[in-house]
All heavy atoms as atom14 arrays in JSON, in Angstrom:
{
  "sequence": "LTRSKPTQKQIAELAALSPVEARIDILTYLAGEFDRLGKKK",
  "atom14_mask": [
    [1, 1, 1, 1, 1, 1, 1, 1, 0, 0, 0, 0, 0, 0],
    [1, 1, 1, 1, 1, 1, 1, 0, 0, 0, 0, 0, 0, 0],
    [1, 1, 1, 1, 1, 1, 1, 1, 1, 1, 1, 0, 0, 0],
    [1, 1, 1, 1, 1, 1, 0, 0, 0, 0, 0, 0, 0, 0],
    [1, 1, 1, 1, 1, 1, 1, 1, 1, 0, 0, 0, 0, 0],
    [1, 1, 1, 1, 1, 1, 1, 0, 0, 0, 0, 0, 0, 0],
    [1, 1, 1, 1, 1, 1, 1, 0, 0, 0, 0, 0, 0, 0],
    [1, 1, 1, 1, 1, 1, 1, 1, 1, 0, 0, 0, 0, 0],
    [1, 1, 1, 1, 1, 1, 1, 1, 1, 0, 0, 0, 0, 0],
    [1, 1, 1, 1, 1, 1, 1, 1, 1, 0, 0, 0, 0, 0],
    [1, 1, 1, 1, 1, 1, 1, 1, 0, 0, 0, 0, 0, 0],
    [1, 1, 1, 1, 1, 0, 0, 0, 0, 0, 0, 0, 0, 0],
    [1, 1, 1, 1, 1, 1, 1, 1, 1, 0, 0, 0, 0, 0],
    [1, 1, 1, 1, 1, 1, 1, 1, 0, 0, 0, 0, 0, 0],
    [1, 1, 1, 1, 1, 0, 0, 0, 0, 0, 0, 0, 0, 0],
    [1, 1, 1, 1, 1, 0, 0, 0, 0, 0, 0, 0, 0, 0],
    [1, 1, 1, 1, 1, 1, 1, 1, 0, 0, 0, 0, 0, 0],
    [1, 1, 1, 1, 1, 1, 0, 0, 0, 0, 0, 0, 0, 0],
    [1, 1, 1, 1, 1, 1, 1, 0, 0, 0, 0, 0, 0, 0],
    [1, 1, 1, 1, 1, 1, 1, 0, 0, 0, 0, 0, 0, 0],
    [1, 1, 1, 1, 1, 1, 1, 1, 1, 0, 0, 0, 0, 0],
    [1, 1, 1, 1, 1, 0, 0, 0, 0, 0, 0, 0, 0, 0],
    [1, 1, 1, 1, 1, 1, 1, 1, 1, 1, 1, 0, 0, 0],
    [1, 1, 1, 1, 1, 1, 1, 1, 0, 0, 0, 0, 0, 0],
    [1, 1, 1, 1, 1, 1, 1, 1, 0, 0, 0, 0, 0, 0],
    [1, 1, 1, 1, 1, 1, 1, 1, 0, 0, 0, 0, 0, 0],
    [1, 1, 1, 1, 1, 1, 1, 1, 0, 0, 0, 0, 0, 0],
    [1, 1, 1, 1, 1, 1, 1, 0, 0, 0, 0, 0, 0, 0],
    [1, 1, 1, 1, 1, 1, 1, 1, 1, 1, 1, 1, 0, 0],
    [1, 1, 1, 1, 1, 1, 1, 1, 0, 0, 0, 0, 0, 0],
    [1, 1, 1, 1, 1, 0, 0, 0, 0, 0, 0, 0, 0, 0],
    [1, 1, 1, 1, 0, 0, 0, 0, 0, 0, 0, 0, 0, 0],
    [1, 1, 1, 1, 1, 1, 1, 1, 1, 0, 0, 0, 0, 0],
    [1, 1, 1, 1, 1, 1, 1, 1, 1, 1, 1, 0, 0, 0],
    [1, 1, 1, 1, 1, 1, 1, 1, 0, 0, 0, 0, 0, 0],
    [1, 1, 1, 1, 1, 1, 1, 1, 1, 1, 1, 0, 0, 0],
    [1, 1, 1, 1, 1, 1, 1, 1, 0, 0, 0, 0, 0, 0],
    [1, 1, 1, 1, 0, 0, 0, 0, 0, 0, 0, 0, 0, 0],
    [1, 1, 1, 1, 1, 1, 1, 1, 1, 0, 0, 0, 0, 0],
    [1, 1, 1, 1, 1, 1, 1, 1, 1, 0, 0, 0, 0, 0],
    [1, 1, 1, 1, 1, 1, 1, 1, 1, 0, 0, 0, 0, 0]
  ],
  "atom14_positions": [
    [[-2.32, -6.98, 1.79], [-3.33, -6.05, 1.64], [-3.94, -5.95, 0.15], [-5.12, -5.73, -0.06], [-2.92, -4.48, 1.84], [-2.65, -4.29, 3.4], [-1.93, -2.92, 3.59], [-4.02, -4.33, 4.14], [0.0, 0.0, 0.0], [0.0, 0.0, 0.0], [0.0, 0.0, 0.0], [0.0, 0.0, 0.0], [0.0, 0.0, 0.0], [0.0, 0.0, 0.0]],
    [[-3.16, -6.55, -0.75], [-3.53, -6.48, -2.28], [-4.66, -7.53, -2.38], [-5.31, -7.58, -3.49], [-2.39, -6.82, -3.16], [-1.95, -8.05, -3.01], [-1.32, -5.75, -3.08], [0.0, 0.0, 0.0], [0.0, 0.0, 0.0], [0.0, 0.0, 0.0], [0.0, 0.0, 0.0], [0.0, 0.0, 0.0], [0.0, 0.0, 0.0], [0.0, 0.0, 0.0]],
    [[-4.75, -8.55, -1.45], [-5.72, -9.6, -1.63], [-7.16, -9.16, -0.9], [-8.01, -9.95, -0.7], [-5.3, -10.79, -0.95], [-4.12, -11.52, -1.64], [-4.64, -12.25, -2.89], [-5.4, -13.36, -2.42], [-4.88, -14.61, -2.07], [-3.64, -14.76, -2.12], [-5.54, -15.6, -1.62], [0.0, 0.0, 0.0], [0.0, 0.0, 0.0], [0.0, 0.0, 0.0]],
    [[-7.14, -7.88, -0.58], [-8.48, -7.38, 0.23], [-8.73, -6.06, -0.26], [-8.08, -5.53, -1.25], [-8.25, -7.42, 1.75], [-7.13, -6.59, 2.07], [0.0, 0.0, 0.0], [0.0, 0.0, 0.0], [0.0, 0.0, 0.0], [0.0, 0.0, 0.0], [0.0, 0.0, 0.0], [0.0, 0.0, 0.0], [0.0, 0.0, 0.0], [0.0, 0.0, 0.0]],
    [[-9.73, -5.4, 0.45], [-10.08, -3.96, -0.03], [-9.76, -3.12, 1.17], [-10.65, -2.85, 1.96], [-11.48, -3.93, -0.44], [-11.95, -4.65, -1.78], [-13.36, -4.52, -2.05], [-13.63, -5.17, -3.4], [-14.99, -5.06, -3.85], [0.0, 0.0, 0.0], [0.0, 0.0, 0.0], [0.0, 0.0, 0.0], [0.0, 0.0, 0.0], [0.0, 0.0, 0.0]],
    [[-8.55, -2.71, 1.37], [-8.23, -1.9, 2.63], [-8.77, -0.52, 2.54], [-8.93, 0.08, 1.54], [-6.67, -1.93, 2.54], [-6.27, -2.06, 1.16], [-7.32, -2.9, 0.49], [0.0, 0.0, 0.0], [0.0, 0.0, 0.0], [0.0, 0.0, 0.0], [0.0, 0.0, 0.0], [0.0, 0.0, 0.0], [0.0, 0.0, 0.0], [0.0, 0.0, 0.0]],
    [[-9.04, -0.05, 3.69], [-9.4, 1.39, 3.79], [-8.12, 2.27, 3.73], [-6.94, 1.75, 4.0], [-10.02, 1.6, 5.13], [-9.13, 1.33, 6.23], [-11.24, 0.7, 5.34], [0.0, 0.0, 0.0], [0.0, 0.0, 0.0], [0.0, 0.0, 0.0], [0.0, 0.0, 0.0], [0.0, 0.0, 0.0], [0.0, 0.0, 0.0], [0.0, 0.0, 0.0]],
    [[-8.37, 3.5, 3.6], [-7.13, 4.49, 3.57], [-6.46, 4.53, 5.04], [-5.27, 4.68, 5.15], [-7.73, 5.98, 3.29], [-6.55, 6.87, 3.0], [-6.92, 8.15, 2.33], [-7.94, 8.66, 2.62], [-6.12, 8.66, 1.42], [0.0, 0.0, 0.0], [0.0, 0.0, 0.0], [0.0, 0.0, 0.0], [0.0, 0.0, 0.0], [0.0, 0.0, 0.0]],
    [[-7.29, 4.26, 5.97], [-6.82, 4.17, 7.47], [-5.71, 3.04, 7.51], [-4.71, 3.12, 8.18], [-7.87, 4.01, 8.52], [-7.46, 4.01, 9.92], [-8.58, 3.73, 10.79], [-8.06, 3.76, 12.33], [-9.32, 3.6, 13.2], [0.0, 0.0, 0.0], [0.0, 0.0, 0.0], [0.0, 0.0, 0.0], [0.0, 0.0, 0.0], [0.0, 0.0, 0.0]],
    [[-6.19, 1.92, 6.93], [-5.2, 0.67, 6.95], [-3.97, 0.95, 6.18], [-2.91, 0.44, 6.5], [-5.88, -0.59, 6.45], [-7.09, -1.02, 7.47], [-7.96, -2.18, 6.75], [-8.26, -2.11, 5.58], [-8.39, -3.16, 7.63], [0.0, 0.0, 0.0], [0.0, 0.0, 0.0], [0.0, 0.0, 0.0], [0.0, 0.0, 0.0], [0.0, 0.0, 0.0]],
    [[-4.08, 1.66, 5.07], [-2.95, 1.82, 4.26], [-2.14, 2.85, 5.01], [-0.83, 2.83, 5.02], [-3.29, 2.46, 2.89], [-4.02, 1.43, 2.14], [-2.13, 2.89, 2.08], [-4.79, 1.92, 0.82], [0.0, 0.0, 0.0], [0.0, 0.0, 0.0], [0.0, 0.0, 0.0], [0.0, 0.0, 0.0], [0.0, 0.0, 0.0], [0.0, 0.0, 0.0]],
    [[-2.72, 3.88, 5.73], [-1.98, 4.8, 6.37], [-1.29, 4.22, 7.57], [-0.05, 4.56, 7.94], [-2.71, 6.01, 6.96], [0.0, 0.0, 0.0], [0.0, 0.0, 0.0], [0.0, 0.0, 0.0], [0.0, 0.0, 0.0], [0.0, 0.0, 0.0], [0.0, 0.0, 0.0], [0.0, 0.0, 0.0], [0.0, 0.0, 0.0], [0.0, 0.0, 0.0]],
    [[-1.76, 3.18, 8.19], [-1.19, 2.35, 9.32], [0.09, 1.71, 8.72], [1.04, 1.7, 9.4], [-2.16, 1.45, 9.9], [-1.66, 0.48, 10.92], [-2.61, -0.56, 11.36], [-3.33, -1.11, 10.46], [-2.66, -1.03, 12.58], [0.0, 0.0, 0.0], [0.0, 0.0, 0.0], [0.0, 0.0, 0.0], [0.0, 0.0, 0.0], [0.0, 0.0, 0.0]],
    [[-0.08, 1.1, 7.6], [1.09, 0.31, 6.99], [2.24, 1.42, 6.75], [3.44, 1.12, 7.12], [0.64, -0.24, 5.52], [1.88, -0.72, 4.76], [2.56, -2.04, 5.47], [1.42, -1.13, 3.43], [0.0, 0.0, 0.0], [0.0, 0.0, 0.0], [0.0, 0.0, 0.0], [0.0, 0.0, 0.0], [0.0, 0.0, 0.0], [0.0, 0.0, 0.0]],
    [[2.0, 2.58, 6.33], [2.97, 3.55, 6.11], [3.74, 4.01, 7.44], [4.87, 3.96, 7.52], [2.3, 4.85, 5.42], [0.0, 0.0, 0.0], [0.0, 0.0, 0.0], [0.0, 0.0, 0.0], [0.0, 0.0, 0.0], [0.0, 0.0, 0.0], [0.0, 0.0, 0.0], [0.0, 0.0, 0.0], [0.0, 0.0, 0.0], [0.0, 0.0, 0.0]],
    [[2.83, 4.15, 8.44], [3.3, 4.61, 9.8], [4.16, 3.44, 10.45], [5.1, 3.82, 11.12], [2.29, 4.93, 10.68], [0.0, 0.0, 0.0], [0.0, 0.0, 0.0], [0.0, 0.0, 0.0], [0.0, 0.0, 0.0], [0.0, 0.0, 0.0], [0.0, 0.0, 0.0], [0.0, 0.0, 0.0], [0.0, 0.0, 0.0], [0.0, 0.0, 0.0]],
    [[3.87, 2.16, 10.06], [4.63, 1.04, 10.71], [5.79, 0.62, 9.82], [6.63, -0.21, 10.47], [3.64, -0.17, 10.8], [2.46, 0.21, 11.9], [1.53, -1.08, 11.86], [3.04, 0.28, 13.33], [0.0, 0.0, 0.0], [0.0, 0.0, 0.0], [0.0, 0.0, 0.0], [0.0, 0.0, 0.0], [0.0, 0.0, 0.0], [0.0, 0.0, 0.0]],
    [[5.96, 1.13, 8.73], [7.09, 0.78, 7.83], [8.4, 1.65, 8.27], [8.25, 2.67, 8.63], [6.78, 1.1, 6.46], [5.75, 0.37, 5.95], [0.0, 0.0, 0.0], [0.0, 0.0, 0.0], [0.0, 0.0, 0.0], [0.0, 0.0, 0.0], [0.0, 0.0, 0.0], [0.0, 0.0, 0.0], [0.0, 0.0, 0.0], [0.0, 0.0, 0.0]],
    [[9.53, 0.9, 8.1], [10.87, 1.62, 8.34], [10.95, 2.96, 7.47], [10.48, 2.81, 6.32], [11.92, 0.76, 8.0], [11.29, -0.61, 8.0], [9.85, -0.39, 7.61], [0.0, 0.0, 0.0], [0.0, 0.0, 0.0], [0.0, 0.0, 0.0], [0.0, 0.0, 0.0], [0.0, 0.0, 0.0], [0.0, 0.0, 0.0], [0.0, 0.0, 0.0]],
    [[11.14, 4.07, 8.07], [11.32, 5.31, 7.31], [12.05, 5.07, 5.96], [11.63, 5.63, 4.84], [11.92, 6.5, 8.16], [12.11, 7.71, 7.35], [11.14, 6.74, 9.4], [0.0, 0.0, 0.0], [0.0, 0.0, 0.0], [0.0, 0.0, 0.0], [0.0, 0.0, 0.0], [0.0, 0.0, 0.0], [0.0, 0.0, 0.0], [0.0, 0.0, 0.0]],
    [[13.14, 4.56, 6.07], [13.93, 4.44, 4.82], [13.51, 3.41, 3.71], [13.86, 3.63, 2.5], [15.43, 3.8, 5.15], [15.48, 2.39, 5.71], [15.22, 2.32, 7.27], [14.82, 3.35, 7.79], [15.48, 1.29, 7.83], [0.0, 0.0, 0.0], [0.0, 0.0, 0.0], [0.0, 0.0, 0.0], [0.0, 0.0, 0.0], [0.0, 0.0, 0.0]],
    [[12.47, 2.66, 4.21], [11.82, 1.84, 3.02], [10.37, 2.24, 2.84], [9.7, 1.48, 1.99], [11.84, 0.29, 3.7], [0.0, 0.0, 0.0], [0.0, 0.0, 0.0], [0.0, 0.0, 0.0], [0.0, 0.0, 0.0], [0.0, 0.0, 0.0], [0.0, 0.0, 0.0], [0.0, 0.0, 0.0], [0.0, 0.0, 0.0], [0.0, 0.0, 0.0]],
    [[9.81, 3.22, 3.51], [8.39, 3.59, 3.53], [7.95, 3.86, 1.92], [6.99, 3.25, 1.52], [8.16, 4.7, 4.32], [6.58, 5.07, 4.48], [6.43, 6.07, 5.47], [6.78, 5.58, 6.73], [7.23, 6.35, 7.84], [7.36, 7.59, 7.83], [7.58, 5.78, 9.06], [0.0, 0.0, 0.0], [0.0, 0.0, 0.0], [0.0, 0.0, 0.0]],
    [[8.65, 4.68, 1.31], [8.39, 5.07, -0.14], [8.31, 3.82, -1.02], [7.41, 3.62, -1.85], [9.27, 6.01, -0.68], [8.97, 7.37, 0.06], [8.98, 6.37, -2.13], [9.85, 8.62, -0.29], [0.0, 0.0, 0.0], [0.0, 0.0, 0.0], [0.0, 0.0, 0.0], [0.0, 0.0, 0.0], [0.0, 0.0, 0.0], [0.0, 0.0, 0.0]],
    [[9.33, 3.03, -0.86], [9.47, 1.75, -1.75], [8.21, 0.84, -1.47], [7.71, 0.22, -2.42], [10.7, 0.95, -1.52], [11.93, 1.75, -2.04], [11.69, 2.63, -2.95], [13.09, 1.45, -1.58], [0.0, 0.0, 0.0], [0.0, 0.0, 0.0], [0.0, 0.0, 0.0], [0.0, 0.0, 0.0], [0.0, 0.0, 0.0], [0.0, 0.0, 0.0]],
    [[7.84, 0.67, -0.22], [6.72, -0.17, 0.27], [5.41, 0.36, -0.39], [4.5, -0.33, -0.96], [6.63, -0.43, 1.62], [7.91, -1.29, 2.13], [5.4, -1.11, 2.09], [8.08, -1.37, 3.67], [0.0, 0.0, 0.0], [0.0, 0.0, 0.0], [0.0, 0.0, 0.0], [0.0, 0.0, 0.0], [0.0, 0.0, 0.0], [0.0, 0.0, 0.0]],
    [[5.16, 1.72, -0.2], [4.02, 2.19, -0.7], [3.89, 2.18, -2.21], [2.85, 1.97, -2.92], [3.78, 3.62, -0.26], [3.61, 3.75, 1.33], [3.57, 5.14, 1.86], [2.34, 2.88, 1.63], [0.0, 0.0, 0.0], [0.0, 0.0, 0.0], [0.0, 0.0, 0.0], [0.0, 0.0, 0.0], [0.0, 0.0, 0.0], [0.0, 0.0, 0.0]],
    [[5.07, 2.38, -2.82], [5.09, 2.25, -4.43], [4.8, 0.85, -4.87], [4.04, 0.69, -5.78], [6.52, 2.81, -4.81], [6.69, 4.12, -4.34], [6.6, 2.75, -6.4], [0.0, 0.0, 0.0], [0.0, 0.0, 0.0], [0.0, 0.0, 0.0], [0.0, 0.0, 0.0], [0.0, 0.0, 0.0], [0.0, 0.0, 0.0], [0.0, 0.0, 0.0]],
    [[5.3, -0.08, -4.16], [5.08, -1.42, -4.43], [3.51, -1.76, -4.31], [2.93, -2.37, -5.2], [5.86, -2.33, -3.5], [5.38, -3.77, -3.46], [5.52, -4.63, -4.59], [4.68, -4.17, -2.39], [5.14, -5.96, -4.62], [4.21, -5.5, -2.36], [4.43, -6.4, -3.46], [3.9, -7.71, -3.32], [0.0, 0.0, 0.0], [0.0, 0.0, 0.0]],
    [[3.01, -1.25, -3.16], [1.5, -1.54, -2.93], [0.64, -0.83, -4.14], [-0.27, -1.54, -4.63], [1.11, -0.96, -1.6], [-0.28, -1.03, -1.22], [-0.68, -2.58, -1.07], [-0.56, -0.45, 0.25], [0.0, 0.0, 0.0], [0.0, 0.0, 0.0], [0.0, 0.0, 0.0], [0.0, 0.0, 0.0], [0.0, 0.0, 0.0], [0.0, 0.0, 0.0]],
    [[0.94, 0.31, -4.37], [0.18, 1.03, -5.45], [0.42, 0.31, -6.77], [-0.64, 0.15, -7.49], [0.6, 2.55, -5.5], [0.0, 0.0, 0.0], [0.0, 0.0, 0.0], [0.0, 0.0, 0.0], [0.0, 0.0, 0.0], [0.0, 0.0, 0.0], [0.0, 0.0, 0.0], [0.0, 0.0, 0.0], [0.0, 0.0, 0.0], [0.0, 0.0, 0.0]],
    [[1.54, -0.1, -7.07], [1.89, -0.83, -8.36], [1.12, -2.15, -8.45], [0.61, -2.51, -9.44], [0.0, 0.0, 0.0], [0.0, 0.0, 0.0], [0.0, 0.0, 0.0], [0.0, 0.0, 0.0], [0.0, 0.0, 0.0], [0.0, 0.0, 0.0], [0.0, 0.0, 0.0], [0.0, 0.0, 0.0], [0.0, 0.0, 0.0], [0.0, 0.0, 0.0]],
    [[1.01, -2.89, -7.33], [0.34, -4.09, -7.17], [-1.13, -3.96, -7.44], [-1.77, -4.77, -8.21], [0.63, -4.83, -5.88], [1.97, -5.59, -5.89], [2.02, -6.68, -6.97], [1.42, -7.68, -6.83], [2.68, -6.51, -7.98], [0.0, 0.0, 0.0], [0.0, 0.0, 0.0], [0.0, 0.0, 0.0], [0.0, 0.0, 0.0], [0.0, 0.0, 0.0]],
    [[-1.63, -2.84, -6.83], [-3.2, -2.65, -6.95], [-3.5, -2.18, -8.4], [-4.38, -2.75, -9.1], [-3.59, -1.35, -6.08], [-3.84, -1.89, -4.78], [-3.49, -1.0, -3.63], [-4.57, -3.01, -4.3], [-3.71, -1.27, -2.32], [-4.93, -3.4, -3.09], [-4.4, -2.53, -1.93], [0.0, 0.0, 0.0], [0.0, 0.0, 0.0], [0.0, 0.0, 0.0]],
    [[-2.53, -1.48, -9.03], [-2.69, -1.16, -10.49], [-2.64, -2.42, -11.29], [-3.46, -2.59, -12.22], [-1.63, -0.21, -10.96], [-1.95, 1.37, -10.68], [-3.21, 1.57, -10.81], [-1.04, 2.03, -10.46], [0.0, 0.0, 0.0], [0.0, 0.0, 0.0], [0.0, 0.0, 0.0], [0.0, 0.0, 0.0], [0.0, 0.0, 0.0], [0.0, 0.0, 0.0]],
    [[-1.75, -3.28, -11.15], [-1.52, -4.52, -11.89], [-2.79, -5.41, -11.79], [-3.08, -6.11, -12.69], [-0.31, -5.27, -11.33], [0.03, -6.47, -12.15], [1.3, -7.18, -11.68], [1.04, -7.71, -10.29], [0.45, -8.93, -10.01], [0.03, -9.61, -11.15], [0.31, -9.35, -8.8], [0.0, 0.0, 0.0], [0.0, 0.0, 0.0], [0.0, 0.0, 0.0]],
    [[-3.47, -5.39, -10.54], [-4.65, -6.19, -10.4], [-5.91, -5.53, -10.77], [-6.93, -6.02, -10.63], [-4.65, -6.52, -8.94], [-3.55, -7.44, -8.38], [-3.51, -7.57, -6.79], [-3.57, -8.92, -9.01], [0.0, 0.0, 0.0], [0.0, 0.0, 0.0], [0.0, 0.0, 0.0], [0.0, 0.0, 0.0], [0.0, 0.0, 0.0], [0.0, 0.0, 0.0]],
    [[-5.78, -4.35, -11.29], [-6.91, -3.49, -11.72], [-7.73, -2.93, -10.59], [-8.92, -2.51, -10.83], [0.0, 0.0, 0.0], [0.0, 0.0, 0.0], [0.0, 0.0, 0.0], [0.0, 0.0, 0.0], [0.0, 0.0, 0.0], [0.0, 0.0, 0.0], [0.0, 0.0, 0.0], [0.0, 0.0, 0.0], [0.0, 0.0, 0.0], [0.0, 0.0, 0.0]],
    [[-7.12, -2.67, -9.48], [-7.86, -2.06, -8.33], [-7.36, -0.62, -8.31], [-6.61, -0.26, -7.49], [-7.46, -2.91, -7.1], [-7.85, -4.35, -7.02], [-7.66, -4.96, -5.58], [-8.08, -6.26, -5.59], [-7.83, -7.0, -4.25], [0.0, 0.0, 0.0], [0.0, 0.0, 0.0], [0.0, 0.0, 0.0], [0.0, 0.0, 0.0], [0.0, 0.0, 0.0]],
    [[-7.85, 0.13, -9.13], [-7.63, 1.58, -9.39], [-8.0, 2.39, -8.15], [-7.25, 3.25, -7.84], [-8.25, 2.12, -10.71], [-7.96, 1.27, -11.92], [-6.48, 1.27, -12.19], [-6.22, 0.55, -13.5], [-4.7, 0.44, -13.83], [0.0, 0.0, 0.0], [0.0, 0.0, 0.0], [0.0, 0.0, 0.0], [0.0, 0.0, 0.0], [0.0, 0.0, 0.0]],
    [[-9.22, 2.07, -7.56], [-9.6, 2.84, -6.5], [-8.52, 2.73, -5.2], [-8.24, 3.7, -4.6], [-10.95, 2.3, -5.98], [-11.54, 3.04, -4.74], [-12.9, 2.46, -4.39], [-13.46, 3.12, -3.12], [-14.81, 2.55, -2.7], [0.0, 0.0, 0.0], [0.0, 0.0, 0.0], [0.0, 0.0, 0.0], [0.0, 0.0, 0.0], [0.0, 0.0, 0.0]]
  ]
}
């Protein structure tokens, strides 16, 4: 997803499809990668 411009719906889908115990880590990783790539939006 970091190689594209996902919608909030697509990001919410990722959250819903992630294992509960790993969901926060996956979303934190995603946000961090967007920040690192300068994709603040």
